[in-house]
Amino acid sequence: MKFIRTTLRSLLLIRETPEKTALAFSVGVFCGFSPFMGFHTILGLVAAIAFRLNKTAVLIGVFMNSPWLLAPYYTFATWFGVQLMGLPAGVSLAEIGLSDVLGAEFWYSIASQWRLLIPAFVGSFLLSIILSLLGYGLALFLVRRTLPSSLDDA
């Protein structure tokens, strides 16, 4: 709950309309959960500059995807993509065993599953769209609800 309050406080300090703040936040959420892992911050800043959005609100949205969420999110996104597209030909998840993570055979098995990149991309792209739409609605609701009426009219 403290994280949500801190995030909301940060969004309230931005001197923009609630709609524009929520839009910047949702663009950040889209970038943060997009399939372009490792480029989230750069992608968010480029989007903020290109669309003249508040960089702080965009970066708050980008950093909604924390390192603690990366593995579960991209695992779920890959599963979601496989559910939408089906398992690619030649991919056998049963070949991957967790018995010897430090051995070369395990990493060869992981690398041999490269065909999962397309479902992973599709899954995380669609989920990032869904999360950004949810982020827009939630941010707009919370900023409007919390923002003093004097600042709302500005």
Protein backbone atom coordinates (compact mmCIF):
# COMPACT_ATOMS: atom_id res chain seq x y z
CA MET A 1 0.00 0.00 0.00
CA LYS A 2 2.92 2.32 0.75
CA PHE A 3 4.19 1.82 -2.82
CA ILE A 4 0.84 2.91 -4.27
CA ARG A 5 0.72 6.00 -2.04
CA THR A 6 4.27 6.97 -2.97
CA THR A 7 3.53 6.50 -6.68
CA LEU A 8 0.32 8.52 -6.43
CA ARG A 9 2.09 11.31 -4.53
CA SER A 10 4.71 11.45 -7.28
CA LEU A 11 2.02 11.70 -9.95
CA LEU A 12 0.21 14.44 -8.03
CA LEU A 13 3.32 16.64 -7.99
CA ILE A 14 3.18 16.87 -11.79
CA ARG A 15 1.62 20.13 -12.93
CA GLU A 16 -0.37 18.79 -15.87
CA THR A 17 -4.02 18.00 -16.40
CA PRO A 18 -5.12 14.66 -14.92
CA GLU A 19 -5.74 13.31 -18.41
CA LYS A 20 -2.26 14.18 -19.65
CA THR A 21 -0.63 12.83 -16.48
CA ALA A 22 -2.58 9.58 -16.80
CA LEU A 23 -1.66 9.34 -20.49
CA ALA A 24 2.04 9.83 -19.74
CA PHE A 25 1.84 7.21 -16.98
CA SER A 26 0.10 4.71 -19.27
CA VAL A 27 2.66 5.24 -22.04
CA GLY A 28 5.31 4.49 -19.44
CA VAL A 29 3.48 1.33 -18.36
CA PHE A 30 3.29 0.24 -22.00
CA CYS A 31 7.02 0.80 -22.44
CA GLY A 32 7.86 -0.86 -19.13
CA PHE A 33 5.97 -4.05 -19.92
CA SER A 34 6.78 -4.12 -23.64
CA PRO A 35 8.75 -6.99 -25.15
CA PHE A 36 11.83 -4.80 -25.61
CA MET A 37 13.50 -5.93 -22.39
CA GLY A 38 16.56 -3.86 -21.55
CA PHE A 39 15.36 -0.84 -23.51
CA HIS A 40 12.39 0.15 -21.34
CA THR A 41 13.84 3.37 -19.95
CA ILE A 42 15.23 4.52 -23.28
CA LEU A 43 11.97 3.65 -25.04
CA GLY A 44 10.00 5.57 -22.41
CA LEU A 45 12.17 8.68 -22.69
CA VAL A 46 12.00 8.61 -26.50
CA ALA A 47 8.20 8.31 -26.31
CA ALA A 48 8.03 11.17 -23.77
CA ILE A 49 10.08 13.43 -26.01
CA ALA A 50 8.31 12.40 -29.23
CA PHE A 51 4.80 12.90 -27.82
CA ARG A 52 5.72 15.82 -25.51
CA LEU A 53 4.69 13.97 -22.38
CA ASN A 54 5.92 14.55 -18.87
CA LYS A 55 9.12 12.53 -18.51
CA THR A 56 8.60 11.97 -14.78
CA ALA A 57 5.13 10.45 -15.27
CA VAL A 58 6.41 8.27 -18.12
CA LEU A 59 9.33 7.01 -16.03
CA ILE A 60 7.04 6.28 -13.07
CA GLY A 61 5.02 4.10 -15.44
CA VAL A 62 8.14 2.45 -16.89
CA PHE A 63 9.37 1.49 -13.43
CA MET A 64 6.10 -0.24 -12.51
CA ASN A 65 7.84 -3.30 -13.97
CA SER A 66 10.49 -3.94 -11.37
CA PRO A 67 13.25 -6.55 -11.42
CA TRP A 68 11.13 -8.66 -9.06
CA LEU A 69 8.39 -8.83 -11.69
CA LEU A 70 10.54 -9.56 -14.76
CA ALA A 71 10.72 -13.35 -14.57
CA PRO A 72 7.08 -13.94 -13.54
CA TYR A 73 5.75 -11.39 -16.04
CA TYR A 74 7.70 -12.63 -19.07
CA THR A 75 6.97 -16.25 -18.12
CA PHE A 76 3.26 -15.43 -18.02
CA ALA A 77 3.53 -13.39 -21.23
CA THR A 78 5.18 -16.33 -23.00
CA TRP A 79 2.47 -18.67 -21.74
CA PHE A 80 -0.17 -16.16 -22.86
CA GLY A 81 1.43 -15.94 -26.31
CA VAL A 82 1.55 -19.74 -26.58
CA GLN A 83 -2.14 -19.88 -25.64
CA LEU A 84 -2.95 -17.40 -28.41
CA MET A 85 -0.65 -18.75 -31.11
CA GLY A 86 -0.03 -22.35 -30.11
CA LEU A 87 3.29 -23.96 -29.37
CA PRO A 88 5.69 -23.50 -32.31
CA ALA A 89 6.77 -26.59 -34.21
CA GLY A 90 9.97 -28.09 -32.87
CA VAL A 91 9.55 -26.79 -29.32
CA SER A 92 9.39 -29.33 -26.55
CA LEU A 93 9.27 -27.88 -23.08
CA ALA A 94 9.61 -31.40 -21.66
CA GLU A 95 13.25 -31.42 -22.81
CA ILE A 96 14.17 -28.77 -20.28
CA GLY A 97 15.07 -30.30 -16.94
CA LEU A 98 15.93 -28.30 -13.85
CA SER A 99 18.15 -30.98 -12.32
CA ASP A 100 21.44 -29.52 -13.47
CA VAL A 101 21.07 -25.76 -13.94
CA LEU A 102 24.82 -25.25 -13.86
CA GLY A 103 25.52 -27.79 -16.59
CA ALA A 104 26.00 -26.94 -20.24
CA GLU A 105 23.23 -29.31 -21.31
CA PHE A 106 20.62 -27.25 -19.46
CA TRP A 107 21.68 -24.02 -21.15
CA TYR A 108 21.77 -25.77 -24.53
CA SER A 109 18.18 -26.88 -23.91
CA ILE A 110 17.19 -23.31 -23.05
CA ALA A 111 18.91 -21.90 -26.15
CA SER A 112 17.27 -24.53 -28.35
CA GLN A 113 13.84 -23.11 -27.43
CA TRP A 114 14.43 -19.88 -29.39
CA ARG A 115 11.19 -20.45 -31.30
CA LEU A 116 9.35 -19.34 -28.17
CA LEU A 117 10.51 -15.77 -28.83
CA ILE A 118 7.58 -15.07 -31.18
CA PRO A 119 4.86 -16.14 -28.71
CA ALA A 120 6.78 -14.33 -25.95
CA PHE A 121 6.85 -11.14 -28.05
CA VAL A 122 3.17 -11.36 -28.98
CA GLY A 123 2.12 -12.19 -25.42
CA SER A 124 4.07 -9.38 -23.77
CA PHE A 125 3.04 -6.88 -26.46
CA LEU A 126 -0.65 -7.62 -25.97
CA LEU A 127 -0.30 -7.66 -22.18
CA SER A 128 1.52 -4.31 -22.26
CA ILE A 129 -1.41 -2.82 -24.19
CA ILE A 130 -3.89 -4.22 -21.67
CA LEU A 131 -1.82 -3.04 -18.69
CA SER A 132 -1.36 0.45 -20.17
CA LEU A 133 -5.12 0.82 -20.69
CA LEU A 134 -5.74 -0.33 -17.12
CA GLY A 135 -2.98 2.02 -15.95
CA TYR A 136 -4.57 4.97 -17.73
CA GLY A 137 -7.96 4.36 -16.17
CA LEU A 138 -6.57 3.76 -12.69
CA ALA A 139 -4.19 6.73 -12.81
CA LEU A 140 -6.90 9.05 -14.11
CA PHE A 141 -9.33 7.90 -11.41
CA LEU A 142 -6.78 8.25 -8.59
CA VAL A 143 -5.37 11.60 -9.75
CA ARG A 144 -8.85 13.09 -10.20
CA ARG A 145 -10.01 11.69 -6.86
CA THR A 146 -6.96 12.87 -4.94
CA LEU A 147 -6.20 16.14 -6.72
CA PRO A 148 -7.54 19.25 -4.98
CA SER A 149 -10.25 20.94 -7.01
CA SER A 150 -8.19 24.13 -7.25
CA LEU A 151 -5.44 22.31 -9.14
CA ASP A 152 -7.90 20.33 -11.24
CA ASP A 153 -9.25 23.49 -12.88
CA ALA A 154 -5.78 24.83 -13.72
